[in-house]
């Protein structure tokens, strides 16, 4: 499982960690992979446009075949 707050999710897309983390996750040998995004503030106030974040979320599900789960609570 990879876990990110929304602001870190944005930054990992910008600096390239996003692709590398998905690659490592897919190579770890676990069959049910989950990318957990902890919603943190409004998407309108992130360092990327909301449209880009939604597209990254969809790509992670459809292209990378990872389960994406959004949470509003870190627990």
N, C-alpha and C. Protein backbone atom coordinates (compact mmCIF):
# COMPACT_ATOMS: atom_id res chain seq x y z
N UNK A 1 0.85 -1.18 0.00
CA UNK A 1 0.00 0.00 0.00
C UNK A 1 0.89 1.24 0.00
N UNK A 2 0.49 2.23 -0.75
CA UNK A 2 1.14 3.54 -0.75
C UNK A 2 0.13 4.50 -0.17
N UNK A 3 0.55 5.33 0.75
CA UNK A 3 -0.35 6.27 1.40
C UNK A 3 0.18 7.69 1.22
N UNK A 4 -0.71 8.60 0.83
CA UNK A 4 -0.34 9.99 0.57
C UNK A 4 -1.42 10.93 1.06
N UNK A 5 -1.00 12.08 1.59
CA UNK A 5 -1.94 13.18 1.75
C UNK A 5 -2.07 13.84 0.39
N UNK A 6 -3.15 14.51 0.13
CA UNK A 6 -3.39 15.11 -1.17
C UNK A 6 -2.27 16.06 -1.57
N UNK A 7 -1.76 16.86 -0.64
CA UNK A 7 -0.69 17.79 -0.97
C UNK A 7 0.60 17.04 -1.35
N UNK A 8 0.88 15.92 -0.69
CA UNK A 8 2.06 15.12 -1.05
C UNK A 8 1.84 14.39 -2.37
N UNK A 9 0.62 13.98 -2.63
CA UNK A 9 0.26 13.36 -3.92
C UNK A 9 0.60 14.34 -5.05
N UNK A 10 0.21 15.59 -4.90
CA UNK A 10 0.53 16.63 -5.90
C UNK A 10 2.03 16.76 -6.09
N UNK A 11 2.74 16.88 -4.98
CA UNK A 11 4.19 17.08 -5.06
C UNK A 11 4.88 15.87 -5.67
N UNK A 12 4.40 14.66 -5.38
CA UNK A 12 5.04 13.47 -5.94
C UNK A 12 4.82 13.38 -7.45
N UNK A 13 3.70 13.90 -7.94
CA UNK A 13 3.47 13.96 -9.38
C UNK A 13 4.45 14.95 -10.01
N UNK A 14 4.61 16.11 -9.37
CA UNK A 14 5.48 17.16 -9.89
C UNK A 14 6.94 16.71 -9.94
N UNK A 15 7.41 16.07 -8.87
CA UNK A 15 8.85 15.73 -8.81
C UNK A 15 9.19 14.34 -9.35
N UNK A 16 8.18 13.60 -9.82
CA UNK A 16 8.44 12.32 -10.46
C UNK A 16 8.40 11.10 -9.55
N UNK A 17 8.24 11.31 -8.24
CA UNK A 17 8.17 10.16 -7.33
C UNK A 17 6.94 9.30 -7.59
N UNK A 18 5.87 9.90 -8.07
CA UNK A 18 4.60 9.22 -8.32
C UNK A 18 4.77 8.00 -9.22
N UNK A 19 5.43 8.17 -10.35
CA UNK A 19 5.63 7.06 -11.29
C UNK A 19 6.54 6.00 -10.68
N UNK A 20 7.60 6.42 -10.03
CA UNK A 20 8.56 5.49 -9.44
C UNK A 20 7.91 4.69 -8.30
N UNK A 21 7.08 5.33 -7.49
CA UNK A 21 6.40 4.65 -6.38
C UNK A 21 5.40 3.61 -6.90
N UNK A 22 4.68 3.96 -7.95
CA UNK A 22 3.74 2.99 -8.53
C UNK A 22 4.50 1.80 -9.11
N UNK A 23 5.62 2.06 -9.75
CA UNK A 23 6.44 0.99 -10.33
C UNK A 23 6.91 0.04 -9.23
N UNK A 24 7.47 0.58 -8.14
CA UNK A 24 7.93 -0.26 -7.03
C UNK A 24 6.79 -1.03 -6.40
N UNK A 25 5.65 -0.38 -6.24
CA UNK A 25 4.49 -1.03 -5.65
C UNK A 25 4.04 -2.22 -6.49
N UNK A 26 4.02 -2.04 -7.80
CA UNK A 26 3.60 -3.12 -8.69
C UNK A 26 4.59 -4.28 -8.72
N UNK A 27 5.85 -4.04 -8.39
CA UNK A 27 6.89 -5.07 -8.40
C UNK A 27 7.08 -5.75 -7.04
N UNK A 28 6.31 -5.36 -6.02
CA UNK A 28 6.56 -5.86 -4.66
C UNK A 28 6.04 -7.29 -4.43
N UNK A 29 5.21 -7.81 -5.32
CA UNK A 29 4.72 -9.17 -5.16
C UNK A 29 3.34 -9.28 -4.52
N UNK A 30 2.82 -8.21 -4.00
CA UNK A 30 1.47 -8.22 -3.41
C UNK A 30 0.45 -8.12 -4.54
N UNK A 31 -0.61 -8.90 -4.46
CA UNK A 31 -1.57 -8.92 -5.57
C UNK A 31 -2.67 -7.87 -5.43
N UNK A 32 -3.04 -7.49 -4.24
CA UNK A 32 -4.09 -6.47 -4.06
C UNK A 32 -3.42 -5.17 -3.63
N UNK A 33 -3.16 -4.31 -4.59
CA UNK A 33 -2.42 -3.09 -4.34
C UNK A 33 -3.36 -1.91 -4.13
N UNK A 34 -3.10 -1.15 -3.09
CA UNK A 34 -3.95 -0.01 -2.75
C UNK A 34 -3.12 1.26 -2.70
N UNK A 35 -3.60 2.29 -3.38
CA UNK A 35 -3.00 3.62 -3.33
C UNK A 35 -3.97 4.46 -2.52
N UNK A 36 -3.62 4.78 -1.29
CA UNK A 36 -4.49 5.50 -0.37
C UNK A 36 -4.17 6.98 -0.41
N UNK A 37 -5.17 7.78 -0.67
CA UNK A 37 -5.01 9.24 -0.70
C UNK A 37 -5.85 9.83 0.42
N UNK A 38 -5.16 10.45 1.37
CA UNK A 38 -5.86 11.10 2.48
C UNK A 38 -6.22 12.51 2.05
N UNK A 39 -7.50 12.76 1.84
CA UNK A 39 -7.96 14.07 1.41
C UNK A 39 -7.57 15.11 2.46
N UNK A 40 -6.90 16.16 2.00
CA UNK A 40 -6.35 17.19 2.89
C UNK A 40 -6.61 18.54 2.26
N UNK A 41 -7.68 19.16 2.67
CA UNK A 41 -8.02 20.47 2.14
C UNK A 41 -8.69 20.38 0.77
N UNK A 42 -9.02 21.50 0.25
CA UNK A 42 -9.70 21.58 -1.04
C UNK A 42 -8.72 21.33 -2.18
N UNK A 43 -9.18 20.61 -3.19
CA UNK A 43 -8.35 20.38 -4.37
C UNK A 43 -8.06 21.67 -5.12
N UNK A 44 -8.88 22.67 -4.90
CA UNK A 44 -8.70 23.95 -5.58
C UNK A 44 -7.47 24.70 -5.07
N UNK A 45 -6.94 24.30 -3.91
CA UNK A 45 -5.80 25.00 -3.32
C UNK A 45 -4.52 24.16 -3.38
N UNK A 46 -4.46 23.20 -4.27
CA UNK A 46 -3.28 22.37 -4.41
C UNK A 46 -2.34 22.94 -5.47
N UNK A 47 -1.14 22.39 -5.56
CA UNK A 47 -0.13 22.91 -6.48
C UNK A 47 -0.34 22.46 -7.92
N UNK A 48 -1.33 21.62 -8.16
CA UNK A 48 -1.71 21.20 -9.52
C UNK A 48 -3.20 21.45 -9.71
N UNK A 49 -3.64 21.64 -10.94
CA UNK A 49 -5.08 21.81 -11.18
C UNK A 49 -5.86 20.56 -10.77
N UNK A 50 -7.07 20.77 -10.30
CA UNK A 50 -7.93 19.66 -9.89
C UNK A 50 -8.07 18.63 -11.01
N UNK A 51 -8.18 19.09 -12.25
CA UNK A 51 -8.33 18.20 -13.40
C UNK A 51 -7.13 17.24 -13.51
N UNK A 52 -5.93 17.72 -13.24
CA UNK A 52 -4.72 16.90 -13.30
C UNK A 52 -4.72 15.83 -12.21
N UNK A 53 -5.20 16.19 -11.03
CA UNK A 53 -5.25 15.23 -9.92
C UNK A 53 -6.28 14.13 -10.19
N UNK A 54 -7.42 14.52 -10.72
CA UNK A 54 -8.44 13.53 -11.07
C UNK A 54 -7.93 12.60 -12.16
N UNK A 55 -7.23 13.14 -13.15
CA UNK A 55 -6.68 12.32 -14.23
C UNK A 55 -5.64 11.34 -13.69
N UNK A 56 -4.78 11.79 -12.78
CA UNK A 56 -3.78 10.91 -12.18
C UNK A 56 -4.46 9.79 -11.41
N UNK A 57 -5.52 10.11 -10.69
CA UNK A 57 -6.30 9.12 -9.94
C UNK A 57 -6.87 8.06 -10.89
N UNK A 58 -7.50 8.50 -11.96
CA UNK A 58 -8.11 7.58 -12.94
C UNK A 58 -7.03 6.73 -13.62
N UNK A 59 -5.92 7.34 -14.00
CA UNK A 59 -4.83 6.59 -14.62
C UNK A 59 -4.29 5.51 -13.69
N UNK A 60 -4.18 5.84 -12.41
CA UNK A 60 -3.68 4.87 -11.43
C UNK A 60 -4.62 3.66 -11.36
N UNK A 61 -5.90 3.90 -11.48
CA UNK A 61 -6.88 2.80 -11.43
C UNK A 61 -6.91 2.01 -12.73
N UNK A 62 -7.03 2.70 -13.84
CA UNK A 62 -7.26 2.01 -15.12
C UNK A 62 -5.98 1.50 -15.78
N UNK A 63 -4.96 2.31 -15.81
CA UNK A 63 -3.72 1.92 -16.50
C UNK A 63 -2.83 1.08 -15.59
N UNK A 64 -2.65 1.54 -14.34
CA UNK A 64 -1.75 0.83 -13.43
C UNK A 64 -2.45 -0.30 -12.67
N UNK A 65 -3.78 -0.33 -12.74
CA UNK A 65 -4.60 -1.37 -12.10
C UNK A 65 -4.38 -1.44 -10.60
N UNK A 66 -4.27 -0.26 -9.97
CA UNK A 66 -4.18 -0.18 -8.52
C UNK A 66 -5.53 0.28 -7.98
N UNK A 67 -5.88 -0.19 -6.80
CA UNK A 67 -7.09 0.29 -6.13
C UNK A 67 -6.75 1.64 -5.51
N UNK A 68 -7.53 2.66 -5.83
CA UNK A 68 -7.35 3.98 -5.23
C UNK A 68 -8.46 4.19 -4.22
N UNK A 69 -8.07 4.50 -3.01
CA UNK A 69 -9.04 4.74 -1.95
C UNK A 69 -8.79 6.13 -1.38
N UNK A 70 -9.85 6.92 -1.25
CA UNK A 70 -9.75 8.24 -0.65
C UNK A 70 -10.27 8.17 0.78
N UNK A 71 -9.56 8.82 1.68
CA UNK A 71 -9.95 8.83 3.08
C UNK A 71 -9.93 10.27 3.58
N UNK A 72 -10.81 10.57 4.49
CA UNK A 72 -10.82 11.90 5.10
C UNK A 72 -10.24 11.84 6.50
N UNK A 73 -9.86 10.66 6.95
CA UNK A 73 -9.36 10.46 8.30
C UNK A 73 -8.10 9.59 8.26
N UNK A 74 -7.00 10.06 8.86
CA UNK A 74 -5.76 9.28 8.80
C UNK A 74 -5.84 7.92 9.49
N UNK A 75 -6.82 7.72 10.36
CA UNK A 75 -6.97 6.43 11.05
C UNK A 75 -7.55 5.42 10.09
